[in-house]
Amino acid sequence: VDAAALGTWALTAGVFVLAGAVKGLLGLGLPTVSMALLALWMP
């Protein structure tokens, strides 16, 4: 359970790194990217 939770946190953090990179490059996209990817495995 701990390993799964840690993996989920790492995956979530990776999504925000990617979403932040898109926003840093284009000025938008953080909620779009994060919602699109996070919604693949969470409500």
Full PDB file with SEQRES, HELIX, SHEET, SSBOND, CRYST1, ORIGX, SCALE, CONECT and MASTER records, all heavy atoms in Angstrom:
SEQRES   1 A   43  VAL ASP ALA ALA ALA LEU GLY THR TRP ALA LEU THR ALA          
SEQRES   2 A   43  GLY VAL PHE VAL LEU ALA GLY ALA VAL LYS GLY LEU LEU          
SEQRES   3 A   43  GLY LEU GLY LEU PRO THR VAL SER MET ALA LEU LEU ALA          
SEQRES   4 A   43  LEU TRP MET PRO                                              
HELIX    1 AA1 ASP A    2  LEU A   26  1                                  25    
HELIX    2 AA2 LEU A   30  LEU A   38  1                                   9    
CRYST1    1.000    1.000    1.000  90.00  90.00  90.00 P 1           1          
ORIGX1      1.000000  0.000000  0.000000        0.00000                         
ORIGX2      0.000000  1.000000  0.000000        0.00000                         
ORIGX3      0.000000  0.000000  1.000000        0.00000                         
SCALE1      1.000000  0.000000  0.000000        0.00000                         
SCALE2      0.000000  1.000000  0.000000        0.00000                         
SCALE3      0.000000  0.000000  1.000000        0.00000                         
ATOM      1  N   VAL A   1       0.835  -1.196   0.000  1.00  0.00           N  
ATOM      2  CA  VAL A   1       0.000   0.000   0.000  1.00  0.00           C  
ATOM      3  C   VAL A   1       0.871   1.247   0.000  1.00  0.00           C  
ATOM      4  O   VAL A   1       0.635   2.207  -0.721  1.00  0.00           O  
ATOM      5  CB  VAL A   1      -0.951  -0.009   1.210  1.00  0.00           C  
ATOM      6  CG1 VAL A   1      -1.705   1.298   1.278  1.00  0.00           C  
ATOM      7  CG2 VAL A   1      -1.914  -1.183   1.122  1.00  0.00           C  
ATOM      8  N   ASP A   2       1.950   1.228   0.825  1.00  0.00           N  
ATOM      9  CA  ASP A   2       2.843   2.380   0.889  1.00  0.00           C  
ATOM     10  C   ASP A   2       3.534   2.607  -0.456  1.00  0.00           C  
ATOM     11  O   ASP A   2       3.689   3.745  -0.893  1.00  0.00           O  
ATOM     12  CB  ASP A   2       3.887   2.166   1.981  1.00  0.00           C  
ATOM     13  CG  ASP A   2       3.284   2.185   3.374  1.00  0.00           C  
ATOM     14  OD1 ASP A   2       2.167   2.736   3.513  1.00  0.00           O  
ATOM     15  OD2 ASP A   2       3.922   1.653   4.287  1.00  0.00           O  
ATOM     16  N   ALA A   3       3.983   1.515  -1.086  1.00  0.00           N  
ATOM     17  CA  ALA A   3       4.645   1.641  -2.386  1.00  0.00           C  
ATOM     18  C   ALA A   3       3.680   2.188  -3.434  1.00  0.00           C  
ATOM     19  O   ALA A   3       4.050   3.033  -4.257  1.00  0.00           O  
ATOM     20  CB  ALA A   3       5.199   0.279  -2.824  1.00  0.00           C  
ATOM     21  N   ALA A   4       2.424   1.729  -3.379  1.00  0.00           N  
ATOM     22  CA  ALA A   4       1.434   2.223  -4.332  1.00  0.00           C  
ATOM     23  C   ALA A   4       1.158   3.704  -4.113  1.00  0.00           C  
ATOM     24  O   ALA A   4       1.047   4.474  -5.073  1.00  0.00           O  
ATOM     25  CB  ALA A   4       0.143   1.414  -4.207  1.00  0.00           C  
ATOM     26  N   ALA A   5       1.036   4.103  -2.827  1.00  0.00           N  
ATOM     27  CA  ALA A   5       0.787   5.516  -2.522  1.00  0.00           C  
ATOM     28  C   ALA A   5       1.958   6.380  -2.966  1.00  0.00           C  
ATOM     29  O   ALA A   5       1.775   7.471  -3.527  1.00  0.00           O  
ATOM     30  CB  ALA A   5       0.529   5.691  -1.032  1.00  0.00           C  
ATOM     31  N   LEU A   6       3.187   5.888  -2.726  1.00  0.00           N  
ATOM     32  CA  LEU A   6       4.372   6.639  -3.145  1.00  0.00           C  
ATOM     33  C   LEU A   6       4.427   6.772  -4.657  1.00  0.00           C  
ATOM     34  O   LEU A   6       4.760   7.829  -5.201  1.00  0.00           O  
ATOM     35  CB  LEU A   6       5.631   5.941  -2.624  1.00  0.00           C  
ATOM     36  CG  LEU A   6       6.961   6.647  -2.922  1.00  0.00           C  
ATOM     37  CD1 LEU A   6       6.993   8.032  -2.272  1.00  0.00           C  
ATOM     38  CD2 LEU A   6       8.129   5.796  -2.423  1.00  0.00           C  
ATOM     39  N   GLY A   7       4.077   5.678  -5.349  1.00  0.00           N  
ATOM     40  CA  GLY A   7       4.056   5.730  -6.807  1.00  0.00           C  
ATOM     41  C   GLY A   7       3.027   6.716  -7.334  1.00  0.00           C  
ATOM     42  O   GLY A   7       3.282   7.437  -8.296  1.00  0.00           O  
ATOM     43  N   THR A   8       1.855   6.756  -6.676  1.00  0.00           N  
ATOM     44  CA  THR A   8       0.815   7.696  -7.083  1.00  0.00           C  
ATOM     45  C   THR A   8       1.264   9.133  -6.885  1.00  0.00           C  
ATOM     46  O   THR A   8       1.037  10.001  -7.738  1.00  0.00           O  
ATOM     47  CB  THR A   8      -0.485   7.437  -6.299  1.00  0.00           C  
ATOM     48  OG1 THR A   8      -0.924   6.103  -6.556  1.00  0.00           O  
ATOM     49  CG2 THR A   8      -1.578   8.405  -6.723  1.00  0.00           C  
ATOM     50  N   TRP A   9       1.910   9.408  -5.750  1.00  0.00           N  
ATOM     51  CA  TRP A   9       2.426  10.752  -5.489  1.00  0.00           C  
ATOM     52  C   TRP A   9       3.476  11.149  -6.532  1.00  0.00           C  
ATOM     53  O   TRP A   9       3.466  12.275  -7.039  1.00  0.00           O  
ATOM     54  CB  TRP A   9       3.025  10.820  -4.083  1.00  0.00           C  
ATOM     55  CG  TRP A   9       2.061  11.284  -3.058  1.00  0.00           C  
ATOM     56  CD1 TRP A   9       1.060  10.558  -2.469  1.00  0.00           C  
ATOM     57  CD2 TRP A   9       1.987  12.595  -2.495  1.00  0.00           C  
ATOM     58  NE1 TRP A   9       0.376  11.333  -1.576  1.00  0.00           N  
ATOM     59  CE2 TRP A   9       0.914  12.574  -1.556  1.00  0.00           C  
ATOM     60  CE3 TRP A   9       2.710  13.761  -2.672  1.00  0.00           C  
ATOM     61  CZ2 TRP A   9       0.560  13.706  -0.825  1.00  0.00           C  
ATOM     62  CZ3 TRP A   9       2.355  14.883  -1.933  1.00  0.00           C  
ATOM     63  CH2 TRP A   9       1.289  14.850  -1.033  1.00  0.00           C  
ATOM     64  N   ALA A  10       4.383  10.213  -6.840  1.00  0.00           N  
ATOM     65  CA  ALA A  10       5.419  10.520  -7.822  1.00  0.00           C  
ATOM     66  C   ALA A  10       4.800  10.783  -9.193  1.00  0.00           C  
ATOM     67  O   ALA A  10       5.220  11.702  -9.910  1.00  0.00           O  
ATOM     68  CB  ALA A  10       6.419   9.357  -7.898  1.00  0.00           C  
ATOM     69  N   LEU A  11       3.811   9.977  -9.555  1.00  0.00           N  
ATOM     70  CA  LEU A  11       3.140  10.161 -10.839  1.00  0.00           C  
ATOM     71  C   LEU A  11       2.407  11.497 -10.883  1.00  0.00           C  
ATOM     72  O   LEU A  11       2.456  12.224 -11.892  1.00  0.00           O  
ATOM     73  CB  LEU A  11       2.171   9.012 -11.072  1.00  0.00           C  
ATOM     74  CG  LEU A  11       1.612   8.825 -12.486  1.00  0.00           C  
ATOM     75  CD1 LEU A  11       2.729   8.627 -13.494  1.00  0.00           C  
ATOM     76  CD2 LEU A  11       0.655   7.640 -12.525  1.00  0.00           C  
ATOM     77  N   THR A  12       1.740  11.847  -9.783  1.00  0.00           N  
ATOM     78  CA  THR A  12       1.028  13.129  -9.710  1.00  0.00           C  
ATOM     79  C   THR A  12       2.002  14.295  -9.814  1.00  0.00           C  
ATOM     80  O   THR A  12       1.756  15.278 -10.535  1.00  0.00           O  
ATOM     81  CB  THR A  12       0.233  13.218  -8.396  1.00  0.00           C  
ATOM     82  OG1 THR A  12      -0.687  12.119  -8.321  1.00  0.00           O  
ATOM     83  CG2 THR A  12      -0.543  14.528  -8.324  1.00  0.00           C  
ATOM     84  N   ALA A  13       3.132  14.194  -9.092  1.00  0.00           N  
ATOM     85  CA  ALA A  13       4.141  15.256  -9.164  1.00  0.00           C  
ATOM     86  C   ALA A  13       4.691  15.387 -10.579  1.00  0.00           C  
ATOM     87  O   ALA A  13       4.921  16.496 -11.078  1.00  0.00           O  
ATOM     88  CB  ALA A  13       5.273  14.970  -8.179  1.00  0.00           C  
ATOM     89  N   GLY A  14       4.883  14.239 -11.255  1.00  0.00           N  
ATOM     90  CA  GLY A  14       5.362  14.285 -12.632  1.00  0.00           C  
ATOM     91  C   GLY A  14       4.387  14.987 -13.558  1.00  0.00           C  
ATOM     92  O   GLY A  14       4.804  15.723 -14.465  1.00  0.00           O  
ATOM     93  N   VAL A  15       3.090  14.779 -13.325  1.00  0.00           N  
ATOM     94  CA  VAL A  15       2.079  15.470 -14.120  1.00  0.00           C  
ATOM     95  C   VAL A  15       2.206  16.978 -13.938  1.00  0.00           C  
ATOM     96  O   VAL A  15       2.132  17.745 -14.920  1.00  0.00           O  
ATOM     97  CB  VAL A  15       0.663  14.988 -13.729  1.00  0.00           C  
ATOM     98  CG1 VAL A  15      -0.402  15.924 -14.301  1.00  0.00           C  
ATOM     99  CG2 VAL A  15       0.439  13.573 -14.223  1.00  0.00           C  
ATOM    100  N   PHE A  16       2.414  17.438 -12.695  1.00  0.00           N  
ATOM    101  CA  PHE A  16       2.503  18.881 -12.461  1.00  0.00           C  
ATOM    102  C   PHE A  16       3.808  19.462 -12.999  1.00  0.00           C  
ATOM    103  O   PHE A  16       3.844  20.636 -13.390  1.00  0.00           O  
ATOM    104  CB  PHE A  16       2.335  19.178 -10.974  1.00  0.00           C  
ATOM    105  CG  PHE A  16       0.888  19.240 -10.554  1.00  0.00           C  
ATOM    106  CD1 PHE A  16       0.257  18.150  -9.981  1.00  0.00           C  
ATOM    107  CD2 PHE A  16       0.142  20.390 -10.774  1.00  0.00           C  
ATOM    108  CE1 PHE A  16      -1.076  18.200  -9.623  1.00  0.00           C  
ATOM    109  CE2 PHE A  16      -1.195  20.452 -10.421  1.00  0.00           C  
ATOM    110  CZ  PHE A  16      -1.808  19.348  -9.845  1.00  0.00           C  
ATOM    111  N   VAL A  17       4.880  18.670 -13.022  1.00  0.00           N  
ATOM    112  CA  VAL A  17       6.101  19.146 -13.672  1.00  0.00           C  
ATOM    113  C   VAL A  17       5.838  19.365 -15.160  1.00  0.00           C  
ATOM    114  O   VAL A  17       6.209  20.402 -15.732  1.00  0.00           O  
ATOM    115  CB  VAL A  17       7.261  18.147 -13.466  1.00  0.00           C  
ATOM    116  CG1 VAL A  17       8.454  18.543 -14.336  1.00  0.00           C  
ATOM    117  CG2 VAL A  17       7.678  18.105 -12.006  1.00  0.00           C  
ATOM    118  N   LEU A  18       5.195  18.386 -15.790  1.00  0.00           N  
ATOM    119  CA  LEU A  18       4.874  18.506 -17.217  1.00  0.00           C  
ATOM    120  C   LEU A  18       3.921  19.668 -17.470  1.00  0.00           C  
ATOM    121  O   LEU A  18       4.134  20.479 -18.387  1.00  0.00           O  
ATOM    122  CB  LEU A  18       4.253  17.198 -17.704  1.00  0.00           C  
ATOM    123  CG  LEU A  18       3.762  17.186 -19.164  1.00  0.00           C  
ATOM    124  CD1 LEU A  18       4.918  17.434 -20.120  1.00  0.00           C  
ATOM    125  CD2 LEU A  18       3.084  15.851 -19.486  1.00  0.00           C  
ATOM    126  N   ALA A  19       2.861  19.781 -16.656  1.00  0.00           N  
ATOM    127  CA  ALA A  19       1.889  20.858 -16.840  1.00  0.00           C  
ATOM    128  C   ALA A  19       2.542  22.218 -16.605  1.00  0.00           C  
ATOM    129  O   ALA A  19       2.259  23.188 -17.322  1.00  0.00           O  
ATOM    130  CB  ALA A  19       0.714  20.668 -15.882  1.00  0.00           C  
ATOM    131  N   GLY A  20       3.418  22.319 -15.600  1.00  0.00           N  
ATOM    132  CA  GLY A  20       4.125  23.570 -15.354  1.00  0.00           C  
ATOM    133  C   GLY A  20       5.049  23.934 -16.498  1.00  0.00           C  
ATOM    134  O   GLY A  20       5.190  25.109 -16.851  1.00  0.00           O  
ATOM    135  N   ALA A  21       5.688  22.920 -17.107  1.00  0.00           N  
ATOM    136  CA  ALA A  21       6.576  23.183 -18.237  1.00  0.00           C  
ATOM    137  C   ALA A  21       5.797  23.739 -19.420  1.00  0.00           C  
ATOM    138  O   ALA A  21       6.249  24.665 -20.110  1.00  0.00           O  
ATOM    139  CB  ALA A  21       7.302  21.901 -18.631  1.00  0.00           C  
ATOM    140  N   VAL A  22       4.608  23.189 -19.667  1.00  0.00           N  
ATOM    141  CA  VAL A  22       3.761  23.700 -20.749  1.00  0.00           C  
ATOM    142  C   VAL A  22       3.374  25.149 -20.472  1.00  0.00           C  
ATOM    143  O   VAL A  22       3.413  26.002 -21.359  1.00  0.00           O  
ATOM    144  CB  VAL A  22       2.509  22.812 -20.908  1.00  0.00           C  
ATOM    145  CG1 VAL A  22       1.531  23.442 -21.885  1.00  0.00           C  
ATOM    146  CG2 VAL A  22       2.898  21.416 -21.382  1.00  0.00           C  
ATOM    147  N   LYS A  23       2.999  25.437 -19.222  1.00  0.00           N  
ATOM    148  CA  LYS A  23       2.625  26.809 -18.871  1.00  0.00           C  
ATOM    149  C   LYS A  23       3.819  27.757 -18.994  1.00  0.00           C  
ATOM    150  O   LYS A  23       3.676  28.894 -19.453  1.00  0.00           O  
ATOM    151  CB  LYS A  23       2.057  26.861 -17.454  1.00  0.00           C  
ATOM    152  CG  LYS A  23       1.556  28.252 -17.067  1.00  0.00           C  
ATOM    153  CD  LYS A  23       0.845  28.225 -15.729  1.00  0.00           C  
ATOM    154  CE  LYS A  23       0.336  29.612 -15.347  1.00  0.00           C  
ATOM    155  NZ  LYS A  23      -0.619  30.148 -16.332  1.00  0.00           N  
ATOM    156  N   GLY A  24       5.000  27.298 -18.579  1.00  0.00           N  
ATOM    157  CA  GLY A  24       6.183  28.137 -18.704  1.00  0.00           C  
ATOM    158  C   GLY A  24       6.525  28.454 -20.137  1.00  0.00           C  
ATOM    159  O   GLY A  24       7.043  29.534 -20.438  1.00  0.00           O  
ATOM    160  N   LEU A  25       6.213  27.526 -21.039  1.00  0.00           N  
ATOM    161  CA  LEU A  25       6.526  27.730 -22.447  1.00  0.00           C  
ATOM    162  C   LEU A  25       5.466  28.539 -23.173  1.00  0.00           C  
ATOM    163  O   LEU A  25       5.778  29.424 -23.973  1.00  0.00           O  
ATOM    164  CB  LEU A  25       6.704  26.369 -23.136  1.00  0.00           C  
ATOM    165  CG  LEU A  25       7.124  26.381 -24.598  1.00  0.00           C  
ATOM    166  CD1 LEU A  25       8.501  27.031 -24.751  1.00  0.00           C  
ATOM    167  CD2 LEU A  25       7.154  24.970 -25.153  1.00  0.00           C  
ATOM    168  N   LEU A  26       4.172  28.261 -22.874  1.00  0.00           N  
ATOM    169  CA  LEU A  26       3.073  28.864 -23.635  1.00  0.00           C  
ATOM    170  C   LEU A  26       2.284  29.911 -22.870  1.00  0.00           C  
ATOM    171  O   LEU A  26       1.512  30.664 -23.463  1.00  0.00           O  
ATOM    172  CB  LEU A  26       2.097  27.778 -24.110  1.00  0.00           C  
ATOM    173  CG  LEU A  26       2.654  26.713 -25.047  1.00  0.00           C  
ATOM    174  CD1 LEU A  26       1.574  25.707 -25.388  1.00  0.00           C  
ATOM    175  CD2 LEU A  26       3.231  27.341 -26.298  1.00  0.00           C  
ATOM    176  N   GLY A  27       2.415  29.958 -21.528  1.00  0.00           N  
ATOM    177  CA  GLY A  27       1.630  30.893 -20.735  1.00  0.00           C  
ATOM    178  C   GLY A  27       0.273  30.356 -20.327  1.00  0.00           C  
ATOM    179  O   GLY A  27      -0.497  31.034 -19.663  1.00  0.00           O  
ATOM    180  N   LEU A  28      -0.053  29.131 -20.695  1.00  0.00           N  
ATOM    181  CA  LEU A  28      -1.316  28.491 -20.342  1.00  0.00           C  
ATOM    182  C   LEU A  28      -1.118  26.989 -20.436  1.00  0.00           C  
ATOM    183  O   LEU A  28      -0.084  26.511 -20.906  1.00  0.00           O  
ATOM    184  CB  LEU A  28      -2.454  28.920 -21.274  1.00  0.00           C  
ATOM    185  CG  LEU A  28      -2.485  28.380 -22.706  1.00  0.00           C  
ATOM    186  CD1 LEU A  28      -3.823  28.700 -23.340  1.00  0.00           C  
ATOM    187  CD2 LEU A  28      -1.380  28.951 -23.582  1.00  0.00           C  
ATOM    188  N   GLY A  29      -2.112  26.230 -19.952  1.00  0.00           N  
ATOM    189  CA  GLY A  29      -2.057  24.788 -20.116  1.00  0.00           C  
ATOM    190  C   GLY A  29      -1.907  23.995 -18.838  1.00  0.00           C  
ATOM    191  O   GLY A  29      -2.071  22.779 -18.852  1.00  0.00           O  
ATOM    192  N   LEU A  30      -1.611  24.654 -17.691  1.00  0.00           N  
ATOM    193  CA  LEU A  30      -1.419  23.882 -16.458  1.00  0.00           C  
ATOM    194  C   LEU A  30      -2.688  23.134 -16.055  1.00  0.00           C  
ATOM    195  O   LEU A  30      -2.640  21.922 -15.827  1.00  0.00           O  
ATOM    196  CB  LEU A  30      -0.915  24.782 -15.331  1.00  0.00           C  
ATOM    197  CG  LEU A  30      -0.458  24.067 -14.057  1.00  0.00           C  
ATOM    198  CD1 LEU A  30       0.661  24.833 -13.361  1.00  0.00           C  
ATOM    199  CD2 LEU A  30      -1.598  23.852 -13.067  1.00  0.00           C  
ATOM    200  N   PRO A  31      -3.853  23.786 -15.950  1.00  0.00           N  
ATOM    201  CA  PRO A  31      -5.048  23.024 -15.591  1.00  0.00           C  
ATOM    202  C   PRO A  31      -5.477  22.044 -16.673  1.00  0.00           C  
ATOM    203  O   PRO A  31      -5.965  20.952 -16.376  1.00  0.00           O  
ATOM    204  CB  PRO A  31      -6.114  24.107 -15.369  1.00  0.00           C  
ATOM    205  CG  PRO A  31      -5.633  25.267 -16.154  1.00  0.00           C  
ATOM    206  CD  PRO A  31      -4.133  25.222 -16.082  1.00  0.00           C  
ATOM    207  N   THR A  32      -5.279  22.419 -17.936  1.00  0.00           N  
ATOM    208  CA  THR A  32      -5.691  21.540 -19.028  1.00  0.00           C  
ATOM    209  C   THR A  32      -4.908  20.235 -18.995  1.00  0.00           C  
ATOM    210  O   THR A  32      -5.478  19.144 -19.044  1.00  0.00           O  
ATOM    211  CB  THR A  32      -5.474  22.236 -20.376  1.00  0.00           C  
ATOM    212  OG1 THR A  32      -6.070  23.518 -20.351  1.00  0.00           O  
ATOM    213  CG2 THR A  32      -6.061  21.425 -21.518  1.00  0.00           C  
ATOM    214  N   VAL A  33      -3.578  20.338 -18.919  1.00  0.00           N  
ATOM    215  CA  VAL A  33      -2.735  19.147 -18.918  1.00  0.00           C  
ATOM    216  C   VAL A  33      -2.941  18.336 -17.646  1.00  0.00           C  
ATOM    217  O   VAL A  33      -3.086  17.106 -17.687  1.00  0.00           O  
ATOM    218  CB  VAL A  33      -1.254  19.539 -19.084  1.00  0.00           C  
ATOM    219  CG1 VAL A  33      -0.348  18.324 -18.918  1.00  0.00           C  
ATOM    220  CG2 VAL A  33      -1.031  20.177 -20.451  1.00  0.00           C  
ATOM    221  N   SER A  34      -2.950  19.014 -16.499  1.00  0.00           N  
ATOM    222  CA  SER A  34      -3.071  18.287 -15.234  1.00  0.00           C  
ATOM    223  C   SER A  34      -4.428  17.589 -15.112  1.00  0.00           C  
ATOM    224  O   SER A  34      -4.491  16.421 -14.708  1.00  0.00           O  
ATOM    225  CB  SER A  34      -2.842  19.230 -14.039  1.00  0.00           C  
ATOM    226  OG  SER A  34      -3.731  20.326 -14.078  1.00  0.00           O  
ATOM    227  N   MET A  35      -5.520  18.270 -15.476  1.00  0.00           N  
ATOM    228  CA  MET A  35      -6.835  17.630 -15.404  1.00  0.00           C  
ATOM    229  C   MET A  35      -6.939  16.463 -16.387  1.00  0.00           C  
ATOM    230  O   MET A  35      -7.468  15.394 -16.053  1.00  0.00           O  
ATOM    231  CB  MET A  35      -7.943  18.643 -15.702  1.00  0.00           C  
ATOM    232  CG  MET A  35      -8.338  19.501 -14.517  1.00  0.00           C  
ATOM    233  SD  MET A  35      -9.073  18.572 -13.160  1.00  0.00           S  
ATOM    234  CE  MET A  35     -10.582  17.981 -13.918  1.00  0.00           C  
ATOM    235  N   ALA A  36      -6.432  16.655 -17.598  1.00  0.00           N  
ATOM    236  CA  ALA A  36      -6.527  15.600 -18.602  1.00  0.00           C  
ATOM    237  C   ALA A  36      -5.794  14.342 -18.162  1.00  0.00           C  
ATOM    238  O   ALA A  36      -6.291  13.219 -18.347  1.00  0.00           O  
ATOM    239  CB  ALA A  36      -5.969  16.098 -19.933  1.00  0.00           C  
ATOM    240  N   LEU A  37      -4.617  14.500 -17.566  1.00  0.00           N  
ATOM    241  CA  LEU A  37      -3.819  13.338 -17.178  1.00  0.00           C  
ATOM    242  C   LEU A  37      -4.242  12.768 -15.827  1.00  0.00           C  
ATOM    243  O   LEU A  37      -4.335  11.547 -15.671  1.00  0.00           O  
ATOM    244  CB  LEU A  37      -2.333  13.718 -17.161  1.00  0.00           C  
ATOM    245  CG  LEU A  37      -1.746  14.099 -18.525  1.00  0.00           C  
ATOM    246  CD1 LEU A  37      -0.277  14.457 -18.390  1.00  0.00           C  
ATOM    247  CD2 LEU A  37      -1.920  12.963 -19.525  1.00  0.00           C  
ATOM    248  N   LEU A  38      -4.503  13.632 -14.848  1.00  0.00           N  
ATOM    249  CA  LEU A  38      -4.904  13.127 -13.538  1.00  0.00           C  
ATOM    250  C   LEU A  38      -6.240  12.392 -13.605  1.00  0.00           C  
ATOM    251  O   LEU A  38      -6.465  11.427 -12.868  1.00  0.00           O  
ATOM    252  CB  LEU A  38      -4.996  14.278 -12.533  1.00  0.00           C  
ATOM    253  CG  LEU A  38      -3.679  14.951 -12.137  1.00  0.00           C  
ATOM    254  CD1 LEU A  38      -3.944  16.128 -11.197  1.00  0.00           C  
ATOM    255  CD2 LEU A  38      -2.726  13.970 -11.481  1.00  0.00           C  
ATOM    256  N   ALA A  39      -7.130  12.840 -14.498  1.00  0.00           N  
ATOM    257  CA  ALA A  39      -8.438  12.198 -14.623  1.00  0.00           C  
ATOM    258  C   ALA A  39      -8.343  10.785 -15.176  1.00  0.00           C  
ATOM    259  O   ALA A  39      -9.327  10.044 -15.150  1.00  0.00           O  
ATOM    260  CB  ALA A  39      -9.352  13.035 -15.522  1.00  0.00           C  
ATOM    261  N   LEU A  40      -7.153  10.378 -15.638  1.00  0.00           N  
ATOM    262  CA  LEU A  40      -6.985   9.017 -16.119  1.00  0.00           C  
ATOM    263  C   LEU A  40      -6.989   8.005 -14.983  1.00  0.00           C  
ATOM    264  O   LEU A  40      -7.287   6.827 -15.209  1.00  0.00           O  
ATOM    265  CB  LEU A  40      -5.673   8.895 -16.910  1.00  0.00           C  
ATOM    266  CG  LEU A  40      -5.569   9.735 -18.194  1.00  0.00           C  
ATOM    267  CD1 LEU A  40      -4.211   9.547 -18.836  1.00  0.00           C  
ATOM    268  CD2 LEU A  40      -6.679   9.361 -19.172  1.00  0.00           C  
ATOM    269  N   TRP A  41      -6.667   8.446 -13.747  1.00  0.00           N  
ATOM    270  CA  TRP A  41      -6.622   7.479 -12.638  1.00  0.00           C  
ATOM    271  C   TRP A  41      -7.258   7.972 -11.338  1.00  0.00           C  
ATOM    272  O   TRP A  41      -7.229   7.278 -10.338  1.00  0.00           O  
ATOM    273  CB  TRP A  41      -5.178   7.024 -12.360  1.00  0.00           C  
ATOM    274  CG  TRP A  41      -4.302   8.047 -11.714  1.00  0.00           C  
ATOM    275  CD1 TRP A  41      -4.210   8.359 -10.380  1.00  0.00           C  
ATOM    276  CD2 TRP A  41      -3.360   8.888 -12.373  1.00  0.00           C  
ATOM    277  NE1 TRP A  41      -3.284   9.347 -10.176  1.00  0.00           N  
ATOM    278  CE2 TRP A  41      -2.737   9.679 -11.382  1.00  0.00           C  
ATOM    279  CE3 TRP A  41      -2.968   9.052 -13.707  1.00  0.00           C  
ATOM    280  CZ2 TRP A  41      -1.758  10.623 -11.684  1.00  0.00           C  
ATOM    281  CZ3 TRP A  41      -1.990   9.985 -13.995  1.00  0.00           C  
ATOM    282  CH2 TRP A  41      -1.407  10.750 -12.994  1.00  0.00           C  
ATOM    283  N   MET A  42      -7.854   9.166 -11.339  1.00  0.00           N  
ATOM    284  CA  MET A  42      -8.513   9.640 -10.128  1.00  0.00           C  
ATOM    285  C   MET A  42      -9.787  10.395 -10.503  1.00  0.00           C  
ATOM    286  O   MET A  42      -9.939  10.838 -11.650  1.00  0.00           O  
ATOM    287  CB  MET A  42      -7.584  10.541  -9.304  1.00  0.00           C  
ATOM    288  CG  MET A  42      -7.258  11.875  -9.941  1.00  0.00           C  
ATOM    289  SD  MET A  42      -6.275  12.967  -8.854  1.00  0.00           S  
ATOM    290  CE  MET A  42      -4.784  12.007  -8.628  1.00  0.00           C  
ATOM    291  N   PRO A  43     -10.741  10.541  -9.566  1.00  0.00           N  
ATOM    292  CA  PRO A  43     -11.959  11.298  -9.846  1.00  0.00           C  
ATOM    293  C   PRO A  43     -11.648  12.735 -10.242  1.00  0.00           C  
ATOM    294  O   PRO A  43     -10.671  13.329  -9.760  1.00  0.00           O  
ATOM    295  CB  PRO A  43     -12.733  11.248  -8.522  1.00  0.00           C  
ATOM    296  CG  PRO A  43     -12.189  10.058  -7.817  1.00  0.00           C  
ATOM    297  CD  PRO A  43     -10.752   9.958  -8.215  1.00  0.00           C  
TER     298      PRO A  43                                                      
MASTER        0    0    0    2    0    0    0    6  297    1    0    4          
END                                                                             
